[in-house]
Amino acid sequence: QVQLVESGGGLVQAGGSLRLSCAVSGRTFSSYAMGWFRQAPGKEREFVAAVNWSGGSTHYADFVKGRFTISRDISRGSPKNTVFLQMNNLKPEDAAVYYCEADGTTARVMDGRGDYWGQGTQVTVSS
């Protein structure tokens, strides 16, 4: 059974940083694109960032450009089953549940149509 498990969420002050991780188990995702969405209370789920299968191509929502960095473990021998989201200079409006997503194509990840999703991790930013 495929599982995506997020971790790294928590409470941080505005201007602070958090690093989210998403670990995949149950199969190898080396050929899959992965990404992050977020959903704040009362709002729709929105795209945050995506990375292609090799880690060489990344995409970001405009509101996180320059502050967030998505990457995946591409060390030798790695199955590329872990994706990270480094979040710097966090703002109160970044508070949300962050979800990890995986799919065979980057386009589907960016559209939120991925086949695999995690359960989410809460990020809270205090002003």
Protein backbone atom coordinates (compact mmCIF):
# COMPACT_ATOMS: atom_id res chain seq x y z
CA GLN A 1 0.00 0.00 0.00
CA VAL A 2 1.38 3.38 -0.99
CA GLN A 3 1.67 5.95 1.77
CA LEU A 4 2.82 9.55 1.73
CA VAL A 5 3.65 10.81 5.20
CA GLU A 6 4.34 14.47 5.88
CA SER A 7 6.29 15.79 8.84
CA GLY A 8 7.94 18.98 10.01
CA GLY A 9 4.92 21.18 10.59
CA GLY A 10 4.48 23.19 13.74
CA LEU A 11 4.19 26.62 15.25
CA VAL A 12 6.62 29.34 14.21
CA GLN A 13 6.77 33.10 14.55
CA ALA A 14 6.40 35.30 11.50
CA GLY A 15 9.75 35.58 9.77
CA GLY A 16 10.80 32.14 10.94
CA SER A 17 11.48 28.95 9.01
CA LEU A 18 10.22 25.40 8.82
CA ARG A 19 11.26 22.42 6.73
CA LEU A 20 8.56 19.99 5.70
CA SER A 21 9.35 16.46 4.62
CA CYS A 22 7.27 13.93 2.75
CA ALA A 23 8.34 10.33 2.80
CA VAL A 24 6.85 7.77 0.47
CA SER A 25 6.55 4.10 1.28
CA GLY A 26 5.09 1.18 -0.53
CA ARG A 27 6.74 1.74 -3.87
CA THR A 28 9.53 3.60 -5.59
CA PHE A 29 8.66 7.08 -6.78
CA SER A 30 11.86 7.77 -8.66
CA SER A 31 9.93 8.44 -11.88
CA TYR A 32 7.17 10.47 -10.24
CA ALA A 33 6.77 14.20 -9.86
CA MET A 34 6.00 15.37 -6.33
CA GLY A 35 4.64 18.54 -4.90
CA TRP A 36 2.95 20.45 -2.11
CA PHE A 37 -0.49 21.95 -1.77
CA ARG A 38 -1.93 23.79 1.19
CA GLN A 39 -5.36 24.53 2.55
CA ALA A 40 -6.24 27.19 5.08
CA PRO A 41 -9.55 27.19 7.00
CA GLY A 42 -12.39 28.35 4.79
CA LYS A 43 -10.22 28.41 1.68
CA GLU A 44 -9.70 26.08 -1.24
CA ARG A 45 -6.66 23.89 -1.51
CA GLU A 46 -3.96 25.72 -3.47
CA PHE A 47 -0.78 24.75 -5.25
CA VAL A 48 2.48 25.65 -3.53
CA ALA A 49 5.38 23.96 -5.30
CA ALA A 50 6.31 20.96 -7.46
CA VAL A 51 9.46 19.13 -8.49
CA ASN A 52 9.90 16.74 -11.39
CA TRP A 53 11.13 13.17 -11.12
CA SER A 54 14.82 14.02 -11.32
CA GLY A 55 14.73 17.03 -9.03
CA GLY A 56 16.06 19.19 -11.85
CA SER A 57 12.91 21.18 -12.55
CA THR A 58 10.86 23.06 -10.00
CA HIS A 59 7.70 25.18 -10.08
CA TYR A 60 6.31 27.59 -7.51
CA ALA A 61 3.20 29.56 -6.82
CA ASP A 62 3.91 33.28 -7.10
CA PHE A 63 3.17 33.89 -3.44
CA VAL A 64 6.06 31.66 -2.30
CA LYS A 65 8.71 32.49 -4.87
CA GLY A 66 11.92 33.55 -3.20
CA ARG A 67 10.80 32.21 0.19
CA PHE A 68 10.11 28.50 -0.31
CA THR A 69 12.34 25.88 -1.90
CA ILE A 70 11.23 22.42 -2.95
CA SER A 71 13.74 19.64 -3.37
CA ARG A 72 13.95 15.87 -3.33
CA ASP A 73 16.54 13.47 -2.10
CA ILE A 74 18.66 12.73 -5.16
CA SER A 75 21.71 11.36 -3.43
CA ARG A 76 23.37 8.35 -5.06
CA GLY A 77 21.39 5.26 -4.41
CA SER A 78 18.39 7.22 -3.21
CA PRO A 79 15.05 6.01 -4.48
CA LYS A 80 14.05 9.70 -4.64
CA ASN A 81 11.18 8.88 -2.33
CA THR A 82 11.51 11.92 -0.12
CA VAL A 83 10.59 15.49 -0.97
CA PHE A 84 11.27 18.57 1.13
CA LEU A 85 9.80 22.03 1.36
CA GLN A 86 12.08 24.60 2.98
CA MET A 87 9.94 27.53 4.06
CA ASN A 88 11.68 30.76 5.02
CA ASN A 89 10.36 34.17 6.02
CA LEU A 90 7.01 32.66 6.93
CA LYS A 91 4.00 34.95 7.08
CA PRO A 92 0.74 34.53 9.00
CA GLU A 93 -1.02 33.95 5.68
CA ASP A 94 1.15 30.87 5.11
CA ALA A 95 -0.64 29.11 7.97
CA ALA A 96 -2.44 26.07 6.59
CA VAL A 97 -2.42 22.31 6.39
CA TYR A 98 0.26 21.35 3.90
CA TYR A 99 -0.28 18.25 1.78
CA CYS A 100 2.23 16.21 -0.16
CA GLU A 101 1.24 14.89 -3.58
CA ALA A 102 2.74 12.56 -6.15
CA ASP A 103 1.92 11.65 -9.72
CA GLY A 104 3.49 10.50 -12.94
CA THR A 105 3.49 13.97 -14.49
CA THR A 106 4.41 17.38 -13.13
CA ALA A 107 1.39 18.95 -14.82
CA ARG A 108 -1.02 16.74 -12.89
CA VAL A 109 0.77 17.51 -9.64
CA MET A 110 0.49 21.24 -10.29
CA ASP A 111 -3.21 20.86 -11.09
CA GLY A 112 -3.82 18.91 -7.92
CA ARG A 113 -4.86 15.83 -9.86
CA GLY A 114 -2.20 13.55 -8.45
CA ASP A 115 -2.93 9.93 -7.74
CA TYR A 116 -1.32 9.97 -4.31
CA TRP A 117 -1.78 12.31 -1.38
CA GLY A 118 -0.61 12.49 2.20
CA GLN A 119 -2.73 13.30 5.22
CA GLY A 120 -1.23 16.72 5.74
CA THR A 121 0.82 18.54 8.34
CA GLN A 122 -0.27 21.70 10.13
CA VAL A 123 1.76 24.88 9.84
CA THR A 124 0.86 27.71 12.19
CA VAL A 125 2.48 31.13 11.95
CA SER A 126 2.07 33.62 14.77
CA SER A 127 2.28 37.34 14.12
